[in-house]
């Protein structure tokens, strides 16, 4: 079976429908994957770039961004490494109102059984229960 990596701009064209012709072609691509004709994969860096772009360029609210990312995570026949970590980070991103990368890193720490962090970003990391924030 043919395997393909999906880059950030493919997801963005589909999610924003800012180019309807491309969005239709991408929908057809996803349908090919759902029907088992091709296999799709992406990674957490693509997700981070999507979050950043939807926030900084499109100005979407965190809840809307999280909804769009959840849709990606639940796409049939799309493999995303660290899917459960990303899902949990989404809840922190919205629920604790912190930046996406900080939410991802806090969740990564949890999965790695790390409880102490060296950072100057007390604003965000002190919102995470169980983390000890230490300035070097």
C-alpha atoms as a PDB file:
ATOM      1  CA  UNK A   1       0.000   0.000   0.000  1.00  0.00           C
ATOM      2  CA  UNK A   2       1.219   3.488  -0.786  1.00  0.00           C
ATOM      3  CA  UNK A   3       2.098   5.513   2.298  1.00  0.00           C
ATOM      4  CA  UNK A   4       2.139   9.294   2.346  1.00  0.00           C
ATOM      5  CA  UNK A   5       3.133  11.925   4.876  1.00  0.00           C
ATOM      6  CA  UNK A   6       0.645  14.792   5.209  1.00  0.00           C
ATOM      7  CA  UNK A   7       2.213  18.235   5.601  1.00  0.00           C
ATOM      8  CA  UNK A   8       0.769  21.171   7.512  1.00  0.00           C
ATOM      9  CA  UNK A   9      -0.485  23.114   4.506  1.00  0.00           C
ATOM     10  CA  UNK A  10      -2.700  20.212   3.395  1.00  0.00           C
ATOM     11  CA  UNK A  11      -4.517  20.220   6.731  1.00  0.00           C
ATOM     12  CA  UNK A  12      -4.763  24.014   6.737  1.00  0.00           C
ATOM     13  CA  UNK A  13      -6.314  24.162   3.250  1.00  0.00           C
ATOM     14  CA  UNK A  14      -8.875  21.580   4.345  1.00  0.00           C
ATOM     15  CA  UNK A  15      -9.632  23.067   7.774  1.00  0.00           C
ATOM     16  CA  UNK A  16      -9.934  26.672   6.621  1.00  0.00           C
ATOM     17  CA  UNK A  17     -11.417  26.055   3.171  1.00  0.00           C
ATOM     18  CA  UNK A  18      -9.577  29.206   2.076  1.00  0.00           C
ATOM     19  CA  UNK A  19      -9.068  27.600  -1.327  1.00  0.00           C
ATOM     20  CA  UNK A  20     -12.252  25.596  -2.014  1.00  0.00           C
ATOM     21  CA  UNK A  21     -10.778  23.752  -5.037  1.00  0.00           C
ATOM     22  CA  UNK A  22      -7.855  22.500  -2.986  1.00  0.00           C
ATOM     23  CA  UNK A  23     -10.139  21.649  -0.062  1.00  0.00           C
ATOM     24  CA  UNK A  24     -12.245  19.430  -2.354  1.00  0.00           C
ATOM     25  CA  UNK A  25      -9.150  17.644  -3.665  1.00  0.00           C
ATOM     26  CA  UNK A  26      -7.936  17.104  -0.102  1.00  0.00           C
ATOM     27  CA  UNK A  27     -11.327  15.718   0.904  1.00  0.00           C
ATOM     28  CA  UNK A  28     -11.016  13.248  -1.995  1.00  0.00           C
ATOM     29  CA  UNK A  29      -7.535  12.338  -0.718  1.00  0.00           C
ATOM     30  CA  UNK A  30      -8.919  11.589   2.750  1.00  0.00           C
ATOM     31  CA  UNK A  31     -11.686   9.495   1.171  1.00  0.00           C
ATOM     32  CA  UNK A  32      -9.019   7.430  -0.635  1.00  0.00           C
ATOM     33  CA  UNK A  33      -7.396   6.777   2.735  1.00  0.00           C
ATOM     34  CA  UNK A  34     -10.695   5.885   4.377  1.00  0.00           C
ATOM     35  CA  UNK A  35     -11.425   3.413   1.584  1.00  0.00           C
ATOM     36  CA  UNK A  36      -8.016   1.790   2.194  1.00  0.00           C
ATOM     37  CA  UNK A  37      -6.379   2.771  -1.098  1.00  0.00           C
ATOM     38  CA  UNK A  38      -3.590   4.750   0.569  1.00  0.00           C
ATOM     39  CA  UNK A  39      -2.174   5.171   4.065  1.00  0.00           C
ATOM     40  CA  UNK A  40      -1.607   8.613   5.577  1.00  0.00           C
ATOM     41  CA  UNK A  41       0.608   9.691   8.454  1.00  0.00           C
ATOM     42  CA  UNK A  42       1.749  12.905  10.115  1.00  0.00           C
ATOM     43  CA  UNK A  43       3.459  13.927  13.354  1.00  0.00           C
ATOM     44  CA  UNK A  44       3.314  16.216  16.368  1.00  0.00           C
ATOM     45  CA  UNK A  45       5.378  18.950  14.700  1.00  0.00           C
ATOM     46  CA  UNK A  46       2.766  19.284  11.977  1.00  0.00           C
ATOM     47  CA  UNK A  47       0.118  19.553  14.696  1.00  0.00           C
ATOM     48  CA  UNK A  48       2.173  22.269  16.422  1.00  0.00           C
ATOM     49  CA  UNK A  49       2.482  24.214  13.182  1.00  0.00           C
ATOM     50  CA  UNK A  50      -1.270  23.906  12.562  1.00  0.00           C
ATOM     51  CA  UNK A  51      -2.041  25.232  16.044  1.00  0.00           C
ATOM     52  CA  UNK A  52       0.400  28.108  15.632  1.00  0.00           C
ATOM     53  CA  UNK A  53      -0.974  29.076  12.199  1.00  0.00           C
ATOM     54  CA  UNK A  54      -4.630  28.853  13.216  1.00  0.00           C
ATOM     55  CA  UNK A  55      -3.860  31.043  16.236  1.00  0.00           C
ATOM     56  CA  UNK A  56      -1.410  33.591  14.862  1.00  0.00           C
ATOM     57  CA  UNK A  57      -2.519  33.925  11.231  1.00  0.00           C
ATOM     58  CA  UNK A  58      -6.216  33.035  11.308  1.00  0.00           C
ATOM     59  CA  UNK A  59      -6.857  34.352  14.840  1.00  0.00           C
ATOM     60  CA  UNK A  60      -9.041  31.429  15.922  1.00  0.00           C
ATOM     61  CA  UNK A  61     -10.003  30.873  19.556  1.00  0.00           C
ATOM     62  CA  UNK A  62      -8.371  27.992  21.447  1.00  0.00           C
ATOM     63  CA  UNK A  63     -11.630  26.043  21.600  1.00  0.00           C
ATOM     64  CA  UNK A  64     -12.031  26.211  17.816  1.00  0.00           C
ATOM     65  CA  UNK A  65      -8.401  25.237  17.276  1.00  0.00           C
ATOM     66  CA  UNK A  66      -8.760  22.314  19.680  1.00  0.00           C
ATOM     67  CA  UNK A  67     -11.893  21.173  17.837  1.00  0.00           C
ATOM     68  CA  UNK A  68     -10.059  21.209  14.512  1.00  0.00           C
ATOM     69  CA  UNK A  69      -7.085  19.318  15.943  1.00  0.00           C
ATOM     70  CA  UNK A  70      -9.427  16.748  17.507  1.00  0.00           C
ATOM     71  CA  UNK A  71     -10.985  16.257  14.078  1.00  0.00           C
ATOM     72  CA  UNK A  72      -7.534  15.509  12.660  1.00  0.00           C
ATOM     73  CA  UNK A  73      -6.730  13.119  15.507  1.00  0.00           C
ATOM     74  CA  UNK A  74      -9.980  11.242  14.877  1.00  0.00           C
ATOM     75  CA  UNK A  75      -9.561  10.975  11.116  1.00  0.00           C
ATOM     76  CA  UNK A  76      -9.857   7.316  10.087  1.00  0.00           C
ATOM     77  CA  UNK A  77      -6.795   5.891   8.347  1.00  0.00           C
ATOM     78  CA  UNK A  78      -4.528   8.717   9.486  1.00  0.00           C
ATOM     79  CA  UNK A  79      -1.686   7.616  11.718  1.00  0.00           C
ATOM     80  CA  UNK A  80      -0.300  10.186  14.127  1.00  0.00           C
ATOM     81  CA  UNK A  81       2.444   9.195  16.495  1.00  0.00           C
ATOM     82  CA  UNK A  82       1.774  10.351  20.055  1.00  0.00           C
ATOM     83  CA  UNK A  83      -1.952  10.672  19.317  1.00  0.00           C
ATOM     84  CA  UNK A  84      -2.984  10.202  22.960  1.00  0.00           C
ATOM     85  CA  UNK A  85      -0.332  12.650  24.179  1.00  0.00           C
ATOM     86  CA  UNK A  86      -1.592  15.265  21.709  1.00  0.00           C
ATOM     87  CA  UNK A  87      -5.196  14.671  22.798  1.00  0.00           C
ATOM     88  CA  UNK A  88      -4.307  15.189  26.439  1.00  0.00           C
ATOM     89  CA  UNK A  89      -2.259  18.294  25.607  1.00  0.00           C
ATOM     90  CA  UNK A  90      -5.323  19.734  23.833  1.00  0.00           C
ATOM     91  CA  UNK A  91      -7.299  19.545  27.069  1.00  0.00           C
ATOM     92  CA  UNK A  92      -4.541  21.402  28.921  1.00  0.00           C
ATOM     93  CA  UNK A  93      -4.162  23.956  26.108  1.00  0.00           C
ATOM     94  CA  UNK A  94      -7.820  24.924  26.401  1.00  0.00           C
ATOM     95  CA  UNK A  95      -8.534  24.124  30.061  1.00  0.00           C
ATOM     96  CA  UNK A  96      -5.475  25.817  31.543  1.00  0.00           C
ATOM     97  CA  UNK A  97      -5.314  28.558  28.895  1.00  0.00           C
ATOM     98  CA  UNK A  98      -1.629  28.106  28.138  1.00  0.00           C
ATOM     99  CA  UNK A  99       0.383  28.068  24.931  1.00  0.00           C
ATOM    100  CA  UNK A 100       0.244  24.915  22.819  1.00  0.00           C
ATOM    101  CA  UNK A 101       3.943  24.069  23.124  1.00  0.00           C
ATOM    102  CA  UNK A 102       3.826  24.488  26.913  1.00  0.00           C
ATOM    103  CA  UNK A 103       0.747  22.238  27.073  1.00  0.00           C
ATOM    104  CA  UNK A 104       2.472  19.663  24.881  1.00  0.00           C
ATOM    105  CA  UNK A 105       5.676  19.803  26.949  1.00  0.00           C
ATOM    106  CA  UNK A 106       3.764  19.473  30.230  1.00  0.00           C
ATOM    107  CA  UNK A 107       1.965  16.430  28.851  1.00  0.00           C
ATOM    108  CA  UNK A 108       5.231  15.006  27.527  1.00  0.00           C
ATOM    109  CA  UNK A 109       6.687  15.413  31.014  1.00  0.00           C
ATOM    110  CA  UNK A 110       3.739  13.533  32.497  1.00  0.00           C
ATOM    111  CA  UNK A 111       4.158  10.656  30.018  1.00  0.00           C
ATOM    112  CA  UNK A 112       7.894  10.625  30.816  1.00  0.00           C
ATOM    113  CA  UNK A 113       7.275  10.677  34.609  1.00  0.00           C
ATOM    114  CA  UNK A 114       9.065  14.009  34.983  1.00  0.00           C
ATOM    115  CA  UNK A 115       7.829  16.339  37.715  1.00  0.00           C
ATOM    116  CA  UNK A 116      10.431  19.118  37.763  1.00  0.00           C
ATOM    117  CA  UNK A 117      11.076  21.704  35.077  1.00  0.00           C
ATOM    118  CA  UNK A 118      13.737  24.365  34.714  1.00  0.00           C
ATOM    119  CA  UNK A 119      12.002  27.363  33.165  1.00  0.00           C
ATOM    120  CA  UNK A 120      11.417  31.074  33.497  1.00  0.00           C
ATOM    121  CA  UNK A 121       7.841  30.564  32.283  1.00  0.00           C
ATOM    122  CA  UNK A 122       6.146  30.430  35.662  1.00  0.00           C
ATOM    123  CA  UNK A 123       2.953  31.916  34.207  1.00  0.00           C
ATOM    124  CA  UNK A 124       2.067  28.752  32.303  1.00  0.00           C
ATOM    125  CA  UNK A 125       3.794  25.877  34.024  1.00  0.00           C
ATOM    126  CA  UNK A 126       2.553  26.757  37.512  1.00  0.00           C
ATOM    127  CA  UNK A 127      -0.978  26.123  36.184  1.00  0.00           C
ATOM    128  CA  UNK A 128      -0.131  22.436  35.809  1.00  0.00           C
ATOM    129  CA  UNK A 129      -0.763  20.392  38.934  1.00  0.00           C
ATOM    130  CA  UNK A 130       2.109  18.216  40.061  1.00  0.00           C
ATOM    131  CA  UNK A 131       4.865  20.176  38.346  1.00  0.00           C
ATOM    132  CA  UNK A 132       7.615  21.836  40.303  1.00  0.00           C
ATOM    133  CA  UNK A 133       8.827  24.940  38.475  1.00  0.00           C
ATOM    134  CA  UNK A 134      12.449  25.829  39.158  1.00  0.00           C
ATOM    135  CA  UNK A 135      14.391  28.842  37.907  1.00  0.00           C
ATOM    136  CA  UNK A 136      18.061  27.987  37.322  1.00  0.00           C
END
